[in-house]
Amino acid sequence: MAKKKGDNSAMSGADVRMTGELEKPVAPADPTPAESQKSSSVKGKQSAAKKSDKKPNIFQRMGKGIKGVVSELKKVTWPKGKDVAKSTAVVVVVVVAFFVILFGVDYVLTGLYSLVTDGQWISIV
């Protein structure tokens, strides 16, 4: 995978160069002692900063989450009552139609099965 501009995901600490069809990772040069001391002191400061950062307690985090949910719900465009009623009516009609169709198919197939096995058509009653 060739490294693109702004893409930091390719091999951390190594440079990737394209040579023909194959990619070969090239190891970085060893840092000078002054650079290694700088990087270790920076890492020490970062880890100390992470330790001092405490995450808020559970109630503060829950409150923040609930506030986020409420703010998102305010952005929602809610349908009017008439639109909801029309959609509900369409759903009910489709469900009833499928019920009738499936009941008819089931009745016919069960009747045919009964006719083959018992020699007589079944009745609903």
N, C-alpha and C. Protein backbone atom coordinates (compact mmCIF):
# COMPACT_ATOMS: atom_id res chain seq x y z
N MET A 1 0.84 -1.16 0.00
CA MET A 1 0.00 0.00 0.00
C MET A 1 0.89 1.22 0.00
N ALA A 2 0.71 2.09 -0.97
CA ALA A 2 1.54 3.27 -1.09
C ALA A 2 1.06 4.32 -0.11
N LYS A 3 1.98 5.06 0.42
CA LYS A 3 1.64 6.10 1.39
C LYS A 3 1.18 7.33 0.64
N LYS A 4 0.00 7.83 0.99
CA LYS A 4 -0.56 9.01 0.35
C LYS A 4 -0.26 10.21 1.22
N LYS A 5 -0.39 11.40 0.64
CA LYS A 5 -0.20 12.60 1.43
C LYS A 5 -1.27 12.66 2.51
N GLY A 6 -0.87 12.95 3.71
CA GLY A 6 -1.82 13.06 4.81
C GLY A 6 -2.24 11.74 5.39
N ASP A 7 -1.77 10.63 4.85
CA ASP A 7 -2.14 9.31 5.36
C ASP A 7 -1.05 8.84 6.32
N ASN A 8 -1.35 8.83 7.61
CA ASN A 8 -0.37 8.43 8.61
C ASN A 8 -0.55 6.98 9.02
N SER A 9 -1.45 6.26 8.35
CA SER A 9 -1.75 4.91 8.77
C SER A 9 -0.73 3.88 8.28
N ALA A 10 0.07 4.24 7.26
CA ALA A 10 1.00 3.26 6.69
C ALA A 10 2.23 3.15 7.57
N MET A 11 2.52 1.98 8.05
CA MET A 11 3.69 1.59 8.82
C MET A 11 4.27 2.70 9.69
N SER A 12 3.95 2.70 10.93
CA SER A 12 4.45 3.73 11.83
C SER A 12 5.96 3.59 11.99
N GLY A 13 6.66 4.71 11.83
CA GLY A 13 8.10 4.73 12.04
C GLY A 13 8.91 4.26 10.85
N ALA A 14 8.29 3.88 9.77
CA ALA A 14 9.03 3.41 8.60
C ALA A 14 8.52 4.14 7.37
N ASP A 15 9.40 4.34 6.40
CA ASP A 15 9.06 5.02 5.17
C ASP A 15 8.76 3.96 4.11
N VAL A 16 7.71 4.15 3.33
CA VAL A 16 7.34 3.19 2.30
C VAL A 16 7.63 3.84 0.95
N ARG A 17 8.42 3.16 0.13
CA ARG A 17 8.74 3.67 -1.20
C ARG A 17 8.30 2.65 -2.25
N MET A 18 7.80 3.16 -3.36
CA MET A 18 7.38 2.29 -4.45
C MET A 18 8.57 2.02 -5.36
N THR A 19 8.86 0.75 -5.60
CA THR A 19 9.91 0.37 -6.54
C THR A 19 9.30 -0.62 -7.51
N GLY A 20 8.91 -0.14 -8.67
CA GLY A 20 8.28 -1.01 -9.65
C GLY A 20 6.91 -1.44 -9.15
N GLU A 21 6.71 -2.74 -9.04
CA GLU A 21 5.42 -3.27 -8.60
C GLU A 21 5.41 -3.62 -7.12
N LEU A 22 6.59 -3.69 -6.48
CA LEU A 22 6.65 -4.13 -5.10
C LEU A 22 6.90 -2.96 -4.17
N GLU A 23 6.37 -3.06 -2.96
CA GLU A 23 6.60 -2.06 -1.93
C GLU A 23 7.61 -2.61 -0.95
N LYS A 24 8.61 -1.83 -0.61
CA LYS A 24 9.60 -2.26 0.35
C LYS A 24 9.68 -1.26 1.48
N PRO A 25 9.48 -1.69 2.72
CA PRO A 25 9.62 -0.76 3.84
C PRO A 25 11.10 -0.44 4.06
N VAL A 26 11.36 0.83 4.30
CA VAL A 26 12.72 1.27 4.56
C VAL A 26 12.78 1.75 6.00
N ALA A 27 13.68 1.19 6.80
CA ALA A 27 13.79 1.55 8.21
C ALA A 27 14.34 2.97 8.33
N PRO A 28 13.84 3.77 9.27
CA PRO A 28 14.34 5.13 9.46
C PRO A 28 15.75 5.09 10.06
N ALA A 29 16.47 6.18 9.84
CA ALA A 29 17.82 6.28 10.41
C ALA A 29 17.73 6.38 11.92
N ASP A 30 18.75 5.89 12.63
CA ASP A 30 18.76 5.97 14.09
C ASP A 30 18.82 7.43 14.53
N PRO A 31 18.01 7.79 15.54
CA PRO A 31 18.04 9.18 16.01
C PRO A 31 19.33 9.46 16.77
N THR A 32 19.71 10.71 16.74
CA THR A 32 20.89 11.12 17.50
C THR A 32 20.55 11.09 18.98
N PRO A 33 21.54 11.05 19.87
CA PRO A 33 21.25 11.02 21.30
C PRO A 33 20.42 12.21 21.76
N ALA A 34 20.65 13.39 21.18
CA ALA A 34 19.88 14.57 21.58
C ALA A 34 18.42 14.40 21.20
N GLU A 35 18.13 13.83 20.02
CA GLU A 35 16.76 13.62 19.59
C GLU A 35 16.07 12.57 20.47
N SER A 36 16.78 11.53 20.85
CA SER A 36 16.17 10.50 21.68
C SER A 36 15.85 11.04 23.07
N GLN A 37 16.68 11.94 23.61
CA GLN A 37 16.39 12.54 24.91
C GLN A 37 15.17 13.43 24.82
N LYS A 38 15.06 14.21 23.71
CA LYS A 38 13.90 15.07 23.53
C LYS A 38 12.62 14.24 23.47
N SER A 39 12.66 13.16 22.68
CA SER A 39 11.45 12.37 22.51
C SER A 39 11.06 11.68 23.81
N SER A 40 12.05 11.24 24.61
CA SER A 40 11.70 10.58 25.86
C SER A 40 11.14 11.58 26.85
N SER A 41 11.62 12.83 26.86
CA SER A 41 11.08 13.81 27.80
C SER A 41 9.68 14.22 27.38
N VAL A 42 9.43 14.29 26.07
CA VAL A 42 8.09 14.62 25.58
C VAL A 42 7.13 13.50 25.94
N LYS A 43 7.56 12.25 25.79
CA LYS A 43 6.70 11.12 26.14
C LYS A 43 6.39 11.12 27.62
N GLY A 44 7.37 11.46 28.44
CA GLY A 44 7.14 11.51 29.88
C GLY A 44 6.12 12.56 30.24
N LYS A 45 6.17 13.73 29.59
CA LYS A 45 5.21 14.79 29.86
C LYS A 45 3.82 14.37 29.41
N GLN A 46 3.73 13.68 28.26
CA GLN A 46 2.42 13.25 27.77
C GLN A 46 1.80 12.22 28.70
N SER A 47 2.60 11.28 29.19
CA SER A 47 2.05 10.27 30.08
C SER A 47 1.64 10.87 31.41
N ALA A 48 2.38 11.88 31.89
CA ALA A 48 2.01 12.56 33.13
C ALA A 48 0.71 13.33 32.94
N ALA A 49 0.54 13.93 31.75
CA ALA A 49 -0.69 14.66 31.47
C ALA A 49 -1.87 13.70 31.40
N LYS A 50 -1.67 12.52 30.85
CA LYS A 50 -2.75 11.54 30.76
C LYS A 50 -3.16 11.06 32.15
N LYS A 51 -2.20 10.88 33.04
CA LYS A 51 -2.52 10.40 34.38
C LYS A 51 -3.31 11.44 35.16
N SER A 52 -3.01 12.73 34.94
CA SER A 52 -3.70 13.77 35.69
C SER A 52 -5.11 14.00 35.17
N ASP A 53 -5.37 13.63 33.91
CA ASP A 53 -6.71 13.78 33.35
C ASP A 53 -7.60 12.66 33.89
N LYS A 54 -8.57 13.04 34.71
CA LYS A 54 -9.53 12.06 35.21
C LYS A 54 -10.81 12.20 34.41
N LYS A 55 -11.42 11.08 34.09
CA LYS A 55 -12.69 11.19 33.40
C LYS A 55 -13.77 11.50 34.42
N PRO A 56 -14.80 12.25 33.99
CA PRO A 56 -15.86 12.63 34.93
C PRO A 56 -16.61 11.41 35.43
N ASN A 57 -17.30 11.60 36.55
CA ASN A 57 -18.02 10.46 37.13
C ASN A 57 -19.18 10.03 36.22
N ILE A 58 -19.76 8.92 36.56
CA ILE A 58 -20.77 8.29 35.70
C ILE A 58 -21.99 9.19 35.50
N PHE A 59 -22.38 9.94 36.50
CA PHE A 59 -23.58 10.77 36.40
C PHE A 59 -23.34 11.96 35.47
N GLN A 60 -22.13 12.52 35.50
CA GLN A 60 -21.82 13.62 34.59
C GLN A 60 -21.79 13.12 33.15
N ARG A 61 -21.23 11.94 32.93
CA ARG A 61 -21.19 11.38 31.58
C ARG A 61 -22.59 11.04 31.09
N MET A 62 -23.43 10.49 31.98
CA MET A 62 -24.81 10.17 31.59
C MET A 62 -25.57 11.45 31.27
N GLY A 63 -25.38 12.48 32.07
CA GLY A 63 -26.06 13.76 31.83
C GLY A 63 -25.65 14.35 30.49
N LYS A 64 -24.37 14.27 30.17
CA LYS A 64 -23.88 14.77 28.89
C LYS A 64 -24.50 13.98 27.74
N GLY A 65 -24.61 12.66 27.91
CA GLY A 65 -25.22 11.83 26.88
C GLY A 65 -26.69 12.15 26.67
N ILE A 66 -27.41 12.35 27.76
CA ILE A 66 -28.83 12.67 27.66
C ILE A 66 -29.03 14.02 27.00
N LYS A 67 -28.17 15.00 27.34
CA LYS A 67 -28.25 16.31 26.69
C LYS A 67 -28.02 16.18 25.19
N GLY A 68 -27.10 15.31 24.80
CA GLY A 68 -26.84 15.08 23.38
C GLY A 68 -28.03 14.48 22.67
N VAL A 69 -28.70 13.53 23.33
CA VAL A 69 -29.88 12.90 22.75
C VAL A 69 -31.00 13.93 22.58
N VAL A 70 -31.21 14.75 23.60
CA VAL A 70 -32.27 15.76 23.53
C VAL A 70 -31.98 16.76 22.41
N SER A 71 -30.73 17.17 22.29
CA SER A 71 -30.40 18.13 21.23
C SER A 71 -30.60 17.52 19.85
N GLU A 72 -30.32 16.23 19.68
CA GLU A 72 -30.55 15.58 18.40
C GLU A 72 -32.04 15.42 18.12
N LEU A 73 -32.84 15.14 19.15
CA LEU A 73 -34.28 14.99 18.95
C LEU A 73 -34.92 16.32 18.57
N LYS A 74 -34.35 17.43 19.00
CA LYS A 74 -34.88 18.74 18.61
C LYS A 74 -34.66 19.00 17.14
N LYS A 75 -33.66 18.37 16.54
CA LYS A 75 -33.36 18.57 15.12
C LYS A 75 -34.26 17.74 14.20
N VAL A 76 -34.98 16.77 14.77
CA VAL A 76 -35.80 15.86 13.97
C VAL A 76 -37.05 16.58 13.47
N THR A 77 -37.41 16.33 12.22
CA THR A 77 -38.66 16.83 11.66
C THR A 77 -39.72 15.76 11.88
N TRP A 78 -40.62 16.00 12.79
CA TRP A 78 -41.62 15.01 13.14
C TRP A 78 -42.80 15.12 12.19
N PRO A 79 -43.40 13.97 11.77
CA PRO A 79 -44.56 14.01 10.86
C PRO A 79 -45.82 14.48 11.60
N LYS A 80 -46.74 15.03 10.81
CA LYS A 80 -48.02 15.48 11.37
C LYS A 80 -48.91 14.28 11.65
N GLY A 81 -49.94 14.47 12.46
CA GLY A 81 -50.85 13.39 12.83
C GLY A 81 -51.55 12.75 11.66
N LYS A 82 -51.93 13.58 10.65
CA LYS A 82 -52.61 13.04 9.48
C LYS A 82 -51.69 12.12 8.68
N ASP A 83 -50.41 12.49 8.58
CA ASP A 83 -49.45 11.66 7.86
C ASP A 83 -49.25 10.32 8.56
N VAL A 84 -49.20 10.35 9.89
CA VAL A 84 -49.03 9.12 10.66
C VAL A 84 -50.25 8.23 10.49
N ALA A 85 -51.45 8.82 10.49
CA ALA A 85 -52.68 8.04 10.33
C ALA A 85 -52.73 7.39 8.95
N LYS A 86 -52.34 8.13 7.90
CA LYS A 86 -52.34 7.57 6.55
C LYS A 86 -51.34 6.41 6.44
N SER A 87 -50.17 6.61 7.00
CA SER A 87 -49.15 5.55 6.94
C SER A 87 -49.61 4.32 7.71
N THR A 88 -50.24 4.52 8.84
CA THR A 88 -50.74 3.40 9.64
C THR A 88 -51.83 2.65 8.88
N ALA A 89 -52.71 3.38 8.21
CA ALA A 89 -53.78 2.74 7.43
C ALA A 89 -53.19 1.90 6.30
N VAL A 90 -52.17 2.40 5.63
CA VAL A 90 -51.53 1.65 4.55
C VAL A 90 -50.93 0.36 5.09
N VAL A 91 -50.26 0.44 6.24
CA VAL A 91 -49.64 -0.74 6.84
C VAL A 91 -50.71 -1.77 7.21
N VAL A 92 -51.81 -1.34 7.79
CA VAL A 92 -52.87 -2.26 8.20
C VAL A 92 -53.48 -2.95 6.97
N VAL A 93 -53.72 -2.19 5.90
CA VAL A 93 -54.30 -2.77 4.68
C VAL A 93 -53.35 -3.81 4.08
N VAL A 94 -52.05 -3.51 4.03
CA VAL A 94 -51.09 -4.45 3.46
C VAL A 94 -51.01 -5.72 4.31
N VAL A 95 -51.02 -5.58 5.63
CA VAL A 95 -50.96 -6.75 6.52
C VAL A 95 -52.20 -7.63 6.34
N VAL A 96 -53.38 -7.03 6.25
CA VAL A 96 -54.61 -7.80 6.06
C VAL A 96 -54.59 -8.51 4.70
N ALA A 97 -54.10 -7.82 3.67
CA ALA A 97 -54.04 -8.43 2.34
C ALA A 97 -53.10 -9.63 2.35
N PHE A 98 -51.94 -9.50 2.97
CA PHE A 98 -51.02 -10.63 3.05
C PHE A 98 -51.62 -11.77 3.87
N PHE A 99 -52.36 -11.45 4.93
CA PHE A 99 -53.00 -12.49 5.74
C PHE A 99 -53.97 -13.29 4.89
N VAL A 100 -54.80 -12.60 4.12
CA VAL A 100 -55.80 -13.29 3.29
C VAL A 100 -55.11 -14.16 2.24
N ILE A 101 -54.08 -13.63 1.59
CA ILE A 101 -53.37 -14.40 0.56
C ILE A 101 -52.70 -15.63 1.16
N LEU A 102 -52.00 -15.46 2.27
CA LEU A 102 -51.32 -16.60 2.90
C LEU A 102 -52.31 -17.63 3.44
N PHE A 103 -53.43 -17.15 3.97
CA PHE A 103 -54.44 -18.08 4.46
C PHE A 103 -54.99 -18.92 3.31
N GLY A 104 -55.24 -18.28 2.17
CA GLY A 104 -55.76 -19.01 1.00
C GLY A 104 -54.75 -20.03 0.49
N VAL A 105 -53.48 -19.66 0.39
CA VAL A 105 -52.46 -20.59 -0.08
C VAL A 105 -52.33 -21.75 0.91
N ASP A 106 -52.33 -21.45 2.19
CA ASP A 106 -52.21 -22.51 3.20
C ASP A 106 -53.41 -23.46 3.14
N TYR A 107 -54.61 -22.91 2.97
CA TYR A 107 -55.81 -23.75 2.91
C TYR A 107 -55.77 -24.69 1.71
N VAL A 108 -55.36 -24.16 0.56
CA VAL A 108 -55.31 -24.98 -0.65
C VAL A 108 -54.24 -26.06 -0.51
N LEU A 109 -53.05 -25.70 -0.06
CA LEU A 109 -51.98 -26.70 0.07
C LEU A 109 -52.32 -27.76 1.12
N THR A 110 -52.92 -27.36 2.22
CA THR A 110 -53.31 -28.33 3.25
C THR A 110 -54.41 -29.26 2.72
N GLY A 111 -55.36 -28.68 1.98
CA GLY A 111 -56.42 -29.49 1.38
C GLY A 111 -55.87 -30.51 0.39
N LEU A 112 -54.91 -30.07 -0.43
CA LEU A 112 -54.31 -31.00 -1.39
C LEU A 112 -53.54 -32.10 -0.67
N TYR A 113 -52.83 -31.75 0.38
CA TYR A 113 -52.09 -32.75 1.16
C TYR A 113 -53.05 -33.75 1.79
N SER A 114 -54.15 -33.24 2.36
CA SER A 114 -55.14 -34.12 2.97
C SER A 114 -55.80 -35.01 1.92
N LEU A 115 -56.03 -34.45 0.74
CA LEU A 115 -56.63 -35.22 -0.34
C LEU A 115 -55.71 -36.37 -0.77
N VAL A 116 -54.42 -36.14 -0.81
CA VAL A 116 -53.47 -37.17 -1.22
C VAL A 116 -53.34 -38.23 -0.13
N THR A 117 -53.25 -37.81 1.14
CA THR A 117 -53.01 -38.77 2.21
C THR A 117 -54.27 -39.49 2.68
N ASP A 118 -55.38 -38.72 2.87
CA ASP A 118 -56.60 -39.31 3.43
C ASP A 118 -57.67 -39.60 2.37
N GLY A 119 -57.55 -39.01 1.23
CA GLY A 119 -58.54 -39.23 0.18
C GLY A 119 -59.72 -38.30 0.26
N GLN A 120 -59.73 -37.30 1.15
CA GLN A 120 -60.82 -36.35 1.22
C GLN A 120 -60.28 -34.96 1.55
N TRP A 121 -61.03 -33.95 1.07
CA TRP A 121 -60.65 -32.56 1.30
C TRP A 121 -60.98 -32.18 2.72
N ILE A 122 -60.12 -31.34 3.35
CA ILE A 122 -60.37 -30.91 4.74
C ILE A 122 -61.37 -29.77 4.76
N SER A 123 -61.98 -29.58 5.90
CA SER A 123 -62.88 -28.45 6.08
C SER A 123 -62.33 -27.55 7.18
N ILE A 124 -62.71 -26.28 7.12
CA ILE A 124 -62.21 -25.31 8.10
C ILE A 124 -62.87 -25.55 9.45
N VAL A 125 -64.11 -25.95 9.46
CA VAL A 125 -64.86 -26.12 10.70
C VAL A 125 -64.42 -27.27 11.49
